[in-house]
C-alpha atoms as a PDB file:
ATOM      1  CA  MET A   1      55.628  20.550  24.416  1.00  0.00           C
ATOM      2  CA  ALA A   2      56.819  23.058  21.836  1.00  0.00           C
ATOM      3  CA  ASN A   3      60.430  24.151  21.758  1.00  0.00           C
ATOM      4  CA  LEU A   4      61.149  27.766  22.556  1.00  0.00           C
ATOM      5  CA  LEU A   5      64.525  27.515  20.827  1.00  0.00           C
ATOM      6  CA  LYS A   6      65.709  26.004  17.576  1.00  0.00           C
ATOM      7  CA  LEU A   7      68.515  23.473  17.877  1.00  0.00           C
ATOM      8  CA  HIS A   8      71.251  25.833  16.709  1.00  0.00           C
ATOM      9  CA  GLU A   9      70.073  28.395  19.274  1.00  0.00           C
ATOM     10  CA  ALA A  10      70.135  25.788  22.052  1.00  0.00           C
ATOM     11  CA  ILE A  11      73.695  24.835  21.045  1.00  0.00           C
ATOM     12  CA  ALA A  12      74.734  28.488  21.253  1.00  0.00           C
ATOM     13  CA  VAL A  13      73.112  28.910  24.697  1.00  0.00           C
ATOM     14  CA  VAL A  14      75.069  25.938  26.039  1.00  0.00           C
ATOM     15  CA  LEU A  15      78.356  27.128  24.543  1.00  0.00           C
ATOM     16  CA  LEU A  16      77.978  30.611  26.016  1.00  0.00           C
ATOM     17  CA  ASP A  17      78.464  29.089  29.485  1.00  0.00           C
ATOM     18  CA  LYS A  18      81.518  26.985  28.584  1.00  0.00           C
ATOM     19  CA  PRO A  19      85.180  27.928  29.016  1.00  0.00           C
ATOM     20  CA  ASP A  20      86.456  29.282  25.698  1.00  0.00           C
ATOM     21  CA  ARG A  21      82.878  28.727  24.410  1.00  0.00           C
ATOM     22  CA  THR A  22      83.916  25.188  23.475  1.00  0.00           C
ATOM     23  CA  ALA A  23      82.466  21.751  24.316  1.00  0.00           C
ATOM     24  CA  SER A  24      82.185  18.260  22.856  1.00  0.00           C
ATOM     25  CA  ILE A  25      79.080  17.292  20.927  1.00  0.00           C
ATOM     26  CA  GLU A  26      78.261  14.775  23.683  1.00  0.00           C
ATOM     27  CA  GLU A  27      78.458  17.481  26.378  1.00  0.00           C
ATOM     28  CA  ILE A  28      76.298  19.813  24.320  1.00  0.00           C
ATOM     29  CA  SER A  29      73.668  17.120  23.709  1.00  0.00           C
ATOM     30  CA  GLN A  30      73.501  16.183  27.378  1.00  0.00           C
ATOM     31  CA  GLU A  31      73.307  19.757  28.618  1.00  0.00           C
ATOM     32  CA  ILE A  32      70.577  20.646  26.134  1.00  0.00           C
ATOM     33  CA  ALA A  33      68.588  17.678  27.468  1.00  0.00           C
ATOM     34  CA  ASP A  34      69.352  18.441  31.140  1.00  0.00           C
ATOM     35  CA  ARG A  35      68.254  22.042  30.720  1.00  0.00           C
ATOM     36  CA  GLY A  36      65.229  21.156  28.573  1.00  0.00           C
ATOM     37  CA  LEU A  37      66.311  23.540  25.834  1.00  0.00           C
ATOM     38  CA  TYR A  38      65.305  21.441  22.822  1.00  0.00           C
ATOM     39  CA  PHE A  39      63.558  18.147  22.052  1.00  0.00           C
ATOM     40  CA  GLN A  40      62.945  16.422  18.746  1.00  0.00           C
ATOM     41  CA  LYS A  41      59.355  16.141  17.487  1.00  0.00           C
ATOM     42  CA  SER A  42      59.289  12.596  18.869  1.00  0.00           C
ATOM     43  CA  GLY A  43      60.070  13.982  22.334  1.00  0.00           C
ATOM     44  CA  ASP A  44      63.568  12.518  22.351  1.00  0.00           C
ATOM     45  CA  ILE A  45      66.670  14.527  23.133  1.00  0.00           C
ATOM     46  CA  ALA A  46      68.820  15.769  20.281  1.00  0.00           C
ATOM     47  CA  PRO A  47      71.529  13.096  19.963  1.00  0.00           C
ATOM     48  CA  PRO A  48      75.202  14.002  19.485  1.00  0.00           C
ATOM     49  CA  GLY A  49      74.903  13.095  15.796  1.00  0.00           C
ATOM     50  CA  GLN A  50      72.298  15.813  15.324  1.00  0.00           C
ATOM     51  CA  ILE A  51      74.585  18.330  17.030  1.00  0.00           C
ATOM     52  CA  ARG A  52      77.374  17.267  14.669  1.00  0.00           C
ATOM     53  CA  LEU A  53      75.126  17.750  11.619  1.00  0.00           C
ATOM     54  CA  ARG A  54      74.255  21.307  12.692  1.00  0.00           C
ATOM     55  CA  THR A  55      77.824  22.336  13.442  1.00  0.00           C
ATOM     56  CA  HIS A  56      80.080  20.478  10.987  1.00  0.00           C
ATOM     57  CA  PRO A  57      80.936  22.628   7.941  1.00  0.00           C
ATOM     58  CA  ASN A  58      80.802  19.670   5.524  1.00  0.00           C
ATOM     59  CA  THR A  59      77.058  19.136   6.004  1.00  0.00           C
ATOM     60  CA  SER A  60      74.314  21.253   4.454  1.00  0.00           C
ATOM     61  CA  ALA A  61      73.001  22.325   7.880  1.00  0.00           C
ATOM     62  CA  GLY A  62      76.540  22.970   9.087  1.00  0.00           C
ATOM     63  CA  LYS A  63      77.166  25.253   6.122  1.00  0.00           C
ATOM     64  CA  THR A  64      74.086  27.226   7.112  1.00  0.00           C
ATOM     65  CA  TYR A  65      75.468  27.839  10.603  1.00  0.00           C
ATOM     66  CA  LYS A  66      79.193  28.161   9.835  1.00  0.00           C
ATOM     67  CA  HIS A  67      79.020  31.811  10.875  1.00  0.00           C
ATOM     68  CA  LEU A  68      78.020  30.612  14.394  1.00  0.00           C
ATOM     69  CA  PHE A  69      80.130  27.520  14.975  1.00  0.00           C
ATOM     70  CA  GLU A  70      83.666  26.321  14.421  1.00  0.00           C
ATOM     71  CA  PHE A  71      83.979  22.522  14.384  1.00  0.00           C
ATOM     72  CA  LYS A  72      87.234  21.074  15.665  1.00  0.00           C
ATOM     73  CA  GLU A  73      87.883  17.399  14.980  1.00  0.00           C
ATOM     74  CA  PRO A  74      87.115  14.942  16.312  1.00  0.00           C
ATOM     75  CA  ASP A  75      84.055  16.294  18.150  1.00  0.00           C
ATOM     76  CA  GLN A  76      84.594  19.750  19.615  1.00  0.00           C
ATOM     77  CA  VAL A  77      82.404  22.737  18.784  1.00  0.00           C
ATOM     78  CA  LYS A  78      83.306  26.360  19.455  1.00  0.00           C
ATOM     79  CA  LEU A  79      80.911  29.290  19.358  1.00  0.00           C
ATOM     80  CA  ARG A  80      82.393  31.969  17.124  1.00  0.00           C
ATOM     81  CA  ASN A  81      82.677  35.539  18.362  1.00  0.00           C
ATOM     82  CA  LEU A  82      79.897  37.485  16.754  1.00  0.00           C
END
């Protein structure tokens, strides 16, 4: 099954429903899976590590999406106001 959303879009969808638009990477991963928002090519869910890579500003993917996400150590992600 093809994904309708890219991973960073799925992360944003989940965070829109959270208080203060903030959640842990584990919560985000689980909710993406529960809602069927995104699956890896292998069919597996996106693990928390993949969420971290897309949202942490010290990774190349995280730098790409730093306008969308604020990463708070140790594992909290906040959707920025756009």
